[in-house]
Amino acid sequence: MSSRKQRIDTLVAEVEREFQETSGSTGISAPDARLVEALRRVPRDAFVPDDSARFAWENRALSIGHGQTISQPFVVALMTQLLELTPESRVLEIGTGSGYQAALLAELAQEVFSIEVVPELARSAAENLQRQGYRNVRVRAGDGRRGWPEAAPFDAVIVTAGAESIPPALVEQLKPGGHLVIPVDSHWLGQDLVLVTRGADGTLHRRAVLSVIFVPLVGGEGGTVDPWS
């Protein structure tokens, strides 16, 4: 049995290899140093069910129940890199899941606002993040397609579920100079990972980055689950 450090090293090496192999499509040949350090620091095994913990450091998606998954680490890393976060960034995440992506964002940004459609997952994610000491993340159970208007605008928006189209509210809540990353249904199987940037003058630019497969983006109702307020 390899040590935890060896397993983390292996995962990071696999993520870096996938960045290089997909660079012709993504335009990114390697994750930046801050992101690599975040991948090493965030304990992925703390964000998966106990019976999946032994697979946590493998570069693959895992079930977290309720028909949802924790995404493949390479895809998580790529989407995070596309946001171009700074330590001052305020980020909106749609699809909290288990909280793993939110934890990575919290390592790189000032504030993270995360919305999860499944109330049970929203609560467990908030608990996971609290246990790991993340105090700069707020979790809300509800319809992520509406965004979080009272906290807008955001420097970055990330959607971790496949949408039929880009929800207008998420674009409206993006700052000039901001980046939005979202899987959007393609004409084929799965989705295109789409990057939307808002120019300083408010104009929008869109490009497809990579073919991906995510669970569908759905709506819901709910309030705020925020153990730190």
Protein backbone atom coordinates (compact mmCIF):
# COMPACT_ATOMS: atom_id res chain seq x y z
CA MET A 1 0.00 0.00 0.00
CA SER A 2 1.50 3.33 -1.03
CA SER A 3 1.71 6.19 1.42
CA ARG A 4 -0.74 9.08 1.36
CA LYS A 5 1.98 11.40 0.05
CA GLN A 6 2.82 8.98 -2.77
CA ARG A 7 -0.84 8.76 -3.76
CA ILE A 8 -1.15 12.56 -3.79
CA ASP A 9 2.06 12.86 -5.82
CA THR A 10 0.72 10.33 -8.31
CA LEU A 11 -2.59 12.16 -8.65
CA VAL A 12 -0.91 15.52 -9.18
CA ALA A 13 1.38 13.97 -11.82
CA GLU A 14 -1.66 12.52 -13.63
CA VAL A 15 -3.45 15.88 -13.54
CA GLU A 16 -0.36 17.62 -14.92
CA ARG A 17 -0.10 14.99 -17.68
CA GLU A 18 -3.74 15.53 -18.70
CA PHE A 19 -3.19 19.29 -18.83
CA GLN A 20 -0.35 18.68 -21.27
CA GLU A 21 -2.29 16.14 -23.36
CA THR A 22 -5.33 18.42 -23.73
CA SER A 23 -3.42 21.66 -24.23
CA GLY A 24 -4.18 21.70 -27.95
CA SER A 25 -7.85 22.18 -27.08
CA THR A 26 -7.67 24.08 -23.79
CA GLY A 27 -4.69 26.34 -24.51
CA ILE A 28 -3.29 25.51 -21.05
CA SER A 29 -0.27 23.23 -20.88
CA ALA A 30 0.09 23.05 -17.08
CA PRO A 31 -1.75 24.01 -13.89
CA ASP A 32 -0.28 27.01 -12.12
CA ALA A 33 1.72 26.61 -8.92
CA ARG A 34 -1.02 27.92 -6.59
CA LEU A 35 -3.47 25.40 -7.99
CA VAL A 36 -1.03 22.51 -7.62
CA GLU A 37 -0.46 23.43 -3.98
CA ALA A 38 -4.21 23.59 -3.42
CA LEU A 39 -4.61 20.12 -4.96
CA ARG A 40 -2.03 18.85 -2.49
CA ARG A 41 -3.57 20.59 0.53
CA VAL A 42 -7.26 19.77 0.10
CA PRO A 43 -7.95 16.25 1.44
CA ARG A 44 -10.18 14.77 -1.27
CA ASP A 45 -10.81 11.73 0.92
CA ALA A 46 -12.62 14.00 3.40
CA PHE A 47 -15.16 14.92 0.71
CA VAL A 48 -16.25 11.45 -0.44
CA PRO A 49 -18.36 8.77 1.29
CA ASP A 50 -16.43 6.45 3.60
CA ASP A 51 -16.80 3.48 1.26
CA SER A 52 -15.13 5.48 -1.55
CA ALA A 53 -12.28 6.97 0.49
CA ARG A 54 -9.79 4.39 -0.77
CA PHE A 55 -10.37 5.71 -4.31
CA ALA A 56 -10.18 9.40 -3.37
CA TRP A 57 -6.67 9.95 -4.76
CA GLU A 58 -7.45 8.40 -8.13
CA ASN A 59 -8.04 10.67 -11.11
CA ARG A 60 -11.68 9.74 -11.61
CA ALA A 61 -15.19 10.83 -10.68
CA LEU A 62 -16.86 9.18 -7.67
CA SER A 63 -20.48 8.87 -6.57
CA ILE A 64 -21.52 10.95 -3.56
CA GLY A 65 -25.13 9.78 -3.47
CA HIS A 66 -28.40 11.45 -4.50
CA GLY A 67 -27.50 10.80 -8.15
CA GLN A 68 -24.54 13.21 -7.89
CA THR A 69 -20.79 12.82 -8.31
CA ILE A 70 -17.53 14.41 -7.24
CA SER A 71 -15.79 15.27 -10.51
CA GLN A 72 -12.52 13.91 -11.83
CA PRO A 73 -9.64 15.90 -10.28
CA PHE A 74 -8.28 16.90 -13.69
CA VAL A 75 -11.63 18.44 -14.66
CA VAL A 76 -11.89 20.17 -11.27
CA ALA A 77 -8.39 21.57 -11.73
CA LEU A 78 -8.99 22.69 -15.32
CA MET A 79 -12.22 24.48 -14.47
CA THR A 80 -10.52 26.18 -11.54
CA GLN A 81 -7.58 27.28 -13.67
CA LEU A 82 -9.90 28.79 -16.28
CA LEU A 83 -11.36 31.11 -13.62
CA GLU A 84 -7.98 32.89 -13.21
CA LEU A 85 -8.53 33.45 -9.50
CA THR A 86 -6.57 35.85 -7.32
CA PRO A 87 -6.48 36.01 -3.51
CA GLU A 88 -9.02 38.86 -3.75
CA SER A 89 -11.53 37.00 -5.95
CA ARG A 90 -15.16 36.46 -4.98
CA VAL A 91 -16.52 33.28 -6.56
CA LEU A 92 -19.99 31.86 -7.16
CA GLU A 93 -20.18 28.07 -7.46
CA ILE A 94 -23.29 26.29 -8.73
CA GLY A 95 -23.35 22.66 -7.63
CA THR A 96 -21.64 22.28 -4.24
CA GLY A 97 -21.83 18.50 -4.23
CA SER A 98 -19.64 17.25 -1.40
CA GLY A 99 -17.76 20.56 -1.08
CA TYR A 100 -14.46 19.48 -2.68
CA GLN A 101 -14.50 22.03 -5.50
CA ALA A 102 -15.54 24.74 -3.03
CA ALA A 103 -12.58 23.84 -0.82
CA LEU A 104 -10.16 24.25 -3.75
CA LEU A 105 -11.75 27.59 -4.60
CA ALA A 106 -11.48 28.65 -0.96
CA GLU A 107 -7.73 27.95 -1.05
CA LEU A 108 -7.33 30.34 -4.00
CA ALA A 109 -9.96 33.05 -3.52
CA GLN A 110 -11.15 35.44 -0.83
CA GLU A 111 -14.81 34.34 -0.69
CA VAL A 112 -16.84 31.48 -2.13
CA PHE A 113 -20.63 31.41 -2.40
CA SER A 114 -21.88 27.92 -3.29
CA ILE A 115 -25.39 26.72 -4.16
CA GLU A 116 -26.51 23.07 -4.10
CA VAL A 117 -29.92 21.87 -5.32
CA VAL A 118 -30.04 18.82 -3.00
CA PRO A 119 -30.62 20.07 0.58
CA GLU A 120 -29.00 16.99 2.16
CA LEU A 121 -25.83 17.52 0.11
CA ALA A 122 -25.81 21.24 0.90
CA ARG A 123 -25.86 20.49 4.61
CA SER A 124 -23.24 17.73 4.47
CA ALA A 125 -20.98 19.88 2.26
CA ALA A 126 -21.22 22.76 4.74
CA GLU A 127 -20.29 20.32 7.51
CA ASN A 128 -17.38 18.91 5.48
CA LEU A 129 -16.03 22.42 4.82
CA GLN A 130 -16.42 23.42 8.46
CA ARG A 131 -14.57 20.32 9.65
CA GLN A 132 -11.69 21.16 7.31
CA GLY A 133 -11.50 24.72 8.64
CA TYR A 134 -12.81 26.63 5.62
CA ARG A 135 -14.42 29.80 6.94
CA ASN A 136 -14.60 31.72 3.67
CA VAL A 137 -17.30 29.54 2.06
CA ARG A 138 -21.06 30.02 2.34
CA VAL A 139 -23.36 27.22 1.21
CA ARG A 140 -26.98 27.67 0.16
CA ALA A 141 -29.54 25.02 -0.79
CA GLY A 142 -31.61 26.14 -3.78
CA ASP A 143 -31.84 26.75 -7.51
CA GLY A 144 -28.38 27.63 -8.74
CA ARG A 145 -29.71 28.91 -12.05
CA ARG A 146 -30.83 32.05 -10.23
CA GLY A 147 -27.39 32.73 -8.82
CA TRP A 148 -26.89 34.62 -5.56
CA PRO A 149 -28.05 38.16 -6.45
CA GLU A 150 -27.62 39.72 -3.01
CA ALA A 151 -23.92 38.80 -3.02
CA ALA A 152 -23.27 39.74 -6.68
CA PRO A 153 -21.31 40.73 -8.65
CA PHE A 154 -18.68 38.01 -8.74
CA ASP A 155 -15.18 37.87 -10.20
CA ALA A 156 -15.79 34.27 -11.25
CA VAL A 157 -18.69 31.84 -11.66
CA ILE A 158 -18.29 28.08 -11.93
CA VAL A 159 -21.06 25.59 -12.71
CA THR A 160 -20.42 21.92 -11.95
CA ALA A 161 -23.45 20.45 -13.76
CA GLY A 162 -24.43 20.27 -17.41
CA ALA A 163 -26.83 22.99 -18.56
CA GLU A 164 -29.00 23.10 -21.68
CA SER A 165 -27.94 26.74 -22.03
CA ILE A 166 -26.16 29.36 -19.93
CA PRO A 167 -28.54 30.77 -17.28
CA PRO A 168 -28.87 34.54 -17.90
CA ALA A 169 -28.76 35.34 -14.17
CA LEU A 170 -25.26 33.90 -13.90
CA VAL A 171 -24.00 36.08 -16.74
CA GLU A 172 -25.67 39.14 -15.22
CA GLN A 173 -23.93 38.50 -11.89
CA LEU A 174 -20.45 38.34 -13.49
CA LYS A 175 -18.20 41.39 -13.08
CA PRO A 176 -16.48 43.07 -16.02
CA GLY A 177 -13.20 41.20 -16.42
CA GLY A 178 -14.78 38.10 -14.88
CA HIS A 179 -14.77 34.48 -16.03
CA LEU A 180 -17.65 31.98 -16.10
CA VAL A 181 -17.02 28.27 -16.68
CA ILE A 182 -19.96 25.96 -17.40
CA PRO A 183 -20.64 22.64 -19.15
CA VAL A 184 -23.26 23.26 -21.88
CA ASP A 185 -25.10 20.53 -23.79
CA SER A 186 -23.42 19.78 -27.10
CA HIS A 187 -24.94 18.41 -30.29
CA TRP A 188 -23.31 15.08 -29.39
CA LEU A 189 -23.11 13.04 -26.19
CA GLY A 190 -22.22 15.05 -23.08
CA GLN A 191 -21.36 18.73 -22.96
CA ASP A 192 -18.84 21.30 -24.08
CA LEU A 193 -16.97 22.98 -21.26
CA VAL A 194 -17.58 26.63 -22.10
CA LEU A 195 -15.60 29.65 -20.93
CA VAL A 196 -17.42 32.99 -20.95
CA THR A 197 -15.44 36.17 -20.27
CA ARG A 198 -16.90 39.61 -19.75
CA GLY A 199 -14.74 42.39 -21.11
CA ALA A 200 -14.08 45.62 -19.25
CA ASP A 201 -16.69 47.25 -21.50
CA GLY A 202 -19.25 44.55 -20.68
CA THR A 203 -18.99 42.63 -23.95
CA LEU A 204 -19.16 38.84 -23.68
CA HIS A 205 -16.81 36.36 -25.30
CA ARG A 206 -17.46 32.62 -25.40
CA ARG A 207 -15.37 29.63 -26.38
CA ALA A 208 -15.68 25.86 -26.06
CA VAL A 209 -12.70 24.44 -24.19
CA LEU A 210 -13.14 20.66 -23.95
CA SER A 211 -15.75 17.90 -24.23
CA VAL A 212 -16.96 16.76 -20.80
CA ILE A 213 -19.74 14.74 -19.16
CA PHE A 214 -21.57 16.11 -16.09
CA VAL A 215 -24.85 15.32 -14.35
CA PRO A 216 -27.67 17.66 -15.45
CA LEU A 217 -28.19 21.11 -13.92
CA VAL A 218 -31.62 21.15 -12.27
CA GLY A 219 -33.59 23.64 -10.21
CA GLY A 220 -34.89 23.48 -6.65
CA GLU A 221 -36.00 25.42 -3.62
CA GLY A 222 -34.27 26.21 -0.37
CA GLY A 223 -32.70 28.75 1.94
CA THR A 224 -29.22 29.29 3.31
CA VAL A 225 -27.22 26.63 5.12
CA ASP A 226 -24.45 28.66 6.69
CA PRO A 227 -22.98 27.37 9.98
CA TRP A 228 -20.59 30.35 10.26
CA SER A 229 -22.97 33.29 10.01
